[in-house]
Amino acid sequence: MKKNELISRSVGTEDVLLLEQWTKCEDNWLKEELSGFTDVNSFFEYYRSLEGEWRIWENIENEEAIGLTYHMCSAPSNQKPWLGTIVTSPAYRNNRLGRGIIDALGEEMKRSGHKALFAGVPIQQYSWIDFLNKCLFEQLKVESNQKGQFMVMARPL
């Protein structure tokens, strides 16, 4: 499946179950992302209250959900677009669909006049950094916050 075979839609409340199902065995994701939250639903609702957008990405042919993202078009930190989360269905992992989703999101941001898409990754999550490197993100710098150190990455658009 290629990026032009993907469509996205806004996430509905029933889609929280997908996030829960897709991450239930992902210890690293649960540890990093749910820290400070009681469950996936409270995590989802918190980010829903911010100025970003949750999306479900589907196969255009059968509308099967294959991925979920959270992004901001204009983050408070630098008024630039940021990818907050990307999770793919376990059935579709390791076949470049995550990159297809990021490609599609990047093209949308480029059409809006943006020059880069940013992401922040906990420094100890090497596989996440590696994934974003494969998606053409470049490592910019390491910063710290209350949760620890994280790698700031950017993908030129």
Protein backbone atom coordinates (compact mmCIF):
# COMPACT_ATOMS: atom_id res chain seq x y z
CA MET A 1 0.00 0.00 0.00
CA LYS A 2 1.34 3.41 -0.96
CA LYS A 3 0.71 6.79 0.63
CA ASN A 4 -1.76 7.69 -2.13
CA GLU A 5 -3.80 4.66 -1.10
CA LEU A 6 -4.30 6.12 2.38
CA ILE A 7 -7.12 8.32 3.59
CA SER A 8 -7.50 9.92 6.98
CA ARG A 9 -10.43 10.96 9.08
CA SER A 10 -10.93 12.52 12.48
CA VAL A 11 -10.88 10.13 15.39
CA GLY A 12 -14.19 9.29 17.05
CA THR A 13 -14.66 8.16 20.63
CA GLU A 14 -15.03 4.56 19.46
CA ASP A 15 -11.52 4.73 17.98
CA VAL A 16 -9.93 4.93 21.43
CA LEU A 17 -10.40 1.16 21.50
CA LEU A 18 -8.07 0.85 18.50
CA LEU A 19 -5.32 2.73 20.32
CA GLU A 20 -5.83 0.51 23.34
CA GLN A 21 -5.79 -2.70 21.27
CA TRP A 22 -2.78 -1.69 19.18
CA THR A 23 -0.65 -0.73 22.20
CA LYS A 24 -1.68 -3.26 24.84
CA CYS A 25 1.49 -5.34 24.33
CA GLU A 26 3.79 -2.39 23.64
CA ASP A 27 5.52 -1.98 27.00
CA ASN A 28 7.79 0.86 25.81
CA TRP A 29 4.88 2.83 24.40
CA LEU A 30 2.75 2.28 27.49
CA LYS A 31 5.60 3.29 29.81
CA GLU A 32 6.53 6.43 27.88
CA GLU A 33 3.16 7.68 26.70
CA LEU A 34 0.87 6.71 29.58
CA SER A 35 3.16 7.94 32.34
CA GLY A 36 0.97 10.23 34.44
CA PHE A 37 -2.30 8.96 32.96
CA THR A 38 -4.65 6.38 34.45
CA ASP A 39 -5.37 4.67 31.13
CA VAL A 40 -5.39 5.09 27.35
CA ASN A 41 -8.72 6.95 27.46
CA SER A 42 -7.40 9.65 29.83
CA PHE A 43 -4.28 10.01 27.63
CA PHE A 44 -6.47 10.38 24.55
CA GLU A 45 -8.81 12.89 26.20
CA TYR A 46 -5.94 15.01 27.49
CA TYR A 47 -4.42 15.38 24.02
CA ARG A 48 -7.85 15.89 22.53
CA SER A 49 -8.21 18.97 24.77
CA LEU A 50 -5.11 20.56 23.20
CA GLU A 51 -4.95 22.24 19.81
CA GLY A 52 -3.81 19.17 17.92
CA GLU A 53 -5.65 16.63 15.84
CA TRP A 54 -6.10 12.88 16.25
CA ARG A 55 -6.55 11.02 12.96
CA ILE A 56 -7.27 7.48 11.87
CA TRP A 57 -5.50 6.43 8.67
CA GLU A 58 -7.30 3.90 6.51
CA ASN A 59 -6.75 1.80 3.42
CA ILE A 60 -8.63 3.68 0.68
CA GLU A 61 -9.92 0.43 -0.85
CA ASN A 62 -11.59 -1.12 2.20
CA GLU A 63 -11.50 1.67 4.83
CA GLU A 64 -9.69 -0.66 7.23
CA ALA A 65 -7.95 1.30 9.99
CA ILE A 66 -4.19 0.86 9.72
CA GLY A 67 -2.78 3.73 11.76
CA LEU A 68 -3.48 6.53 14.19
CA THR A 69 -1.66 9.84 14.58
CA TYR A 70 -1.74 12.92 16.75
CA HIS A 71 -0.20 16.09 15.38
CA MET A 72 -0.27 19.84 15.86
CA CYS A 73 -0.19 22.21 12.90
CA SER A 74 1.19 24.99 15.08
CA ALA A 75 2.76 23.95 18.38
CA PRO A 76 2.98 26.59 21.12
CA SER A 77 6.76 26.06 21.37
CA ASN A 78 7.67 27.23 17.85
CA GLN A 79 4.44 27.65 15.83
CA LYS A 80 5.57 24.75 13.61
CA PRO A 81 3.89 21.40 12.90
CA TRP A 82 4.76 18.56 15.29
CA LEU A 83 4.04 14.86 15.10
CA GLY A 84 3.06 13.80 18.61
CA THR A 85 2.19 10.13 18.15
CA ILE A 86 2.04 7.56 15.41
CA VAL A 87 0.78 4.04 16.08
CA THR A 88 0.12 1.45 13.41
CA SER A 89 -1.97 -1.67 13.63
CA PRO A 90 0.23 -4.66 14.55
CA ALA A 91 -1.03 -6.33 11.36
CA TYR A 92 0.61 -3.57 9.28
CA ARG A 93 3.91 -2.99 11.08
CA ASN A 94 7.29 -3.23 9.36
CA ASN A 95 5.95 -2.70 5.84
CA ARG A 96 6.52 1.06 5.41
CA LEU A 97 2.94 2.10 6.13
CA GLY A 98 4.10 4.26 9.02
CA ARG A 99 6.35 6.08 6.59
CA GLY A 100 3.45 6.37 4.13
CA ILE A 101 1.37 8.02 6.84
CA ILE A 102 4.18 10.44 7.70
CA ASP A 103 4.71 11.16 3.99
CA ALA A 104 1.02 12.01 3.58
CA LEU A 105 0.99 14.20 6.69
CA GLY A 106 4.20 15.92 5.56
CA GLU A 107 2.74 16.67 2.13
CA GLU A 108 -0.29 18.22 3.78
CA MET A 109 1.93 20.42 5.97
CA LYS A 110 4.01 21.42 2.93
CA ARG A 111 0.86 22.49 1.05
CA SER A 112 0.08 24.70 4.07
CA GLY A 113 3.41 26.46 3.62
CA HIS A 114 5.46 24.68 6.28
CA LYS A 115 9.10 23.82 5.66
CA ALA A 116 9.55 21.05 8.29
CA LEU A 117 7.67 18.59 10.48
CA PHE A 118 9.06 18.19 14.01
CA ALA A 119 8.96 15.33 16.51
CA GLY A 120 10.27 14.79 20.03
CA VAL A 121 11.37 11.31 21.11
CA PRO A 122 12.51 10.08 24.54
CA ILE A 123 16.28 9.71 24.17
CA GLN A 124 16.26 6.09 25.39
CA GLN A 125 13.78 4.97 22.70
CA TYR A 126 16.36 4.06 20.07
CA SER A 127 13.90 2.12 17.92
CA TRP A 128 11.58 5.16 17.74
CA ILE A 129 14.50 7.39 16.73
CA ASP A 130 15.56 4.81 14.15
CA PHE A 131 12.02 4.65 12.75
CA LEU A 132 11.88 8.44 12.36
CA ASN A 133 15.35 8.46 10.77
CA LYS A 134 14.02 5.98 8.19
CA CYS A 135 11.12 8.41 7.63
CA LEU A 136 13.64 11.14 6.70
CA PHE A 137 13.68 12.93 10.06
CA GLU A 138 17.01 14.45 11.06
CA GLN A 139 18.30 14.69 14.61
CA LEU A 140 18.50 18.35 15.68
CA LYS A 141 19.28 18.46 19.39
CA VAL A 142 18.67 16.94 22.79
CA GLU A 143 16.46 18.81 25.26
CA SER A 144 15.22 18.05 28.76
CA ASN A 145 11.88 18.41 30.51
CA GLN A 146 10.26 17.00 33.66
CA LYS A 147 10.07 13.52 32.08
CA GLY A 148 13.74 13.42 31.07
CA GLN A 149 15.79 13.92 27.93
CA PHE A 150 14.36 13.76 24.45
CA MET A 151 15.67 14.04 20.92
CA VAL A 152 14.18 16.85 18.85
CA MET A 153 13.96 15.74 15.23
CA ALA A 154 12.84 17.49 12.05
CA ARG A 155 11.85 16.27 8.63
CA PRO A 156 12.42 18.79 5.84
CA LEU A 157 9.32 19.14 3.67
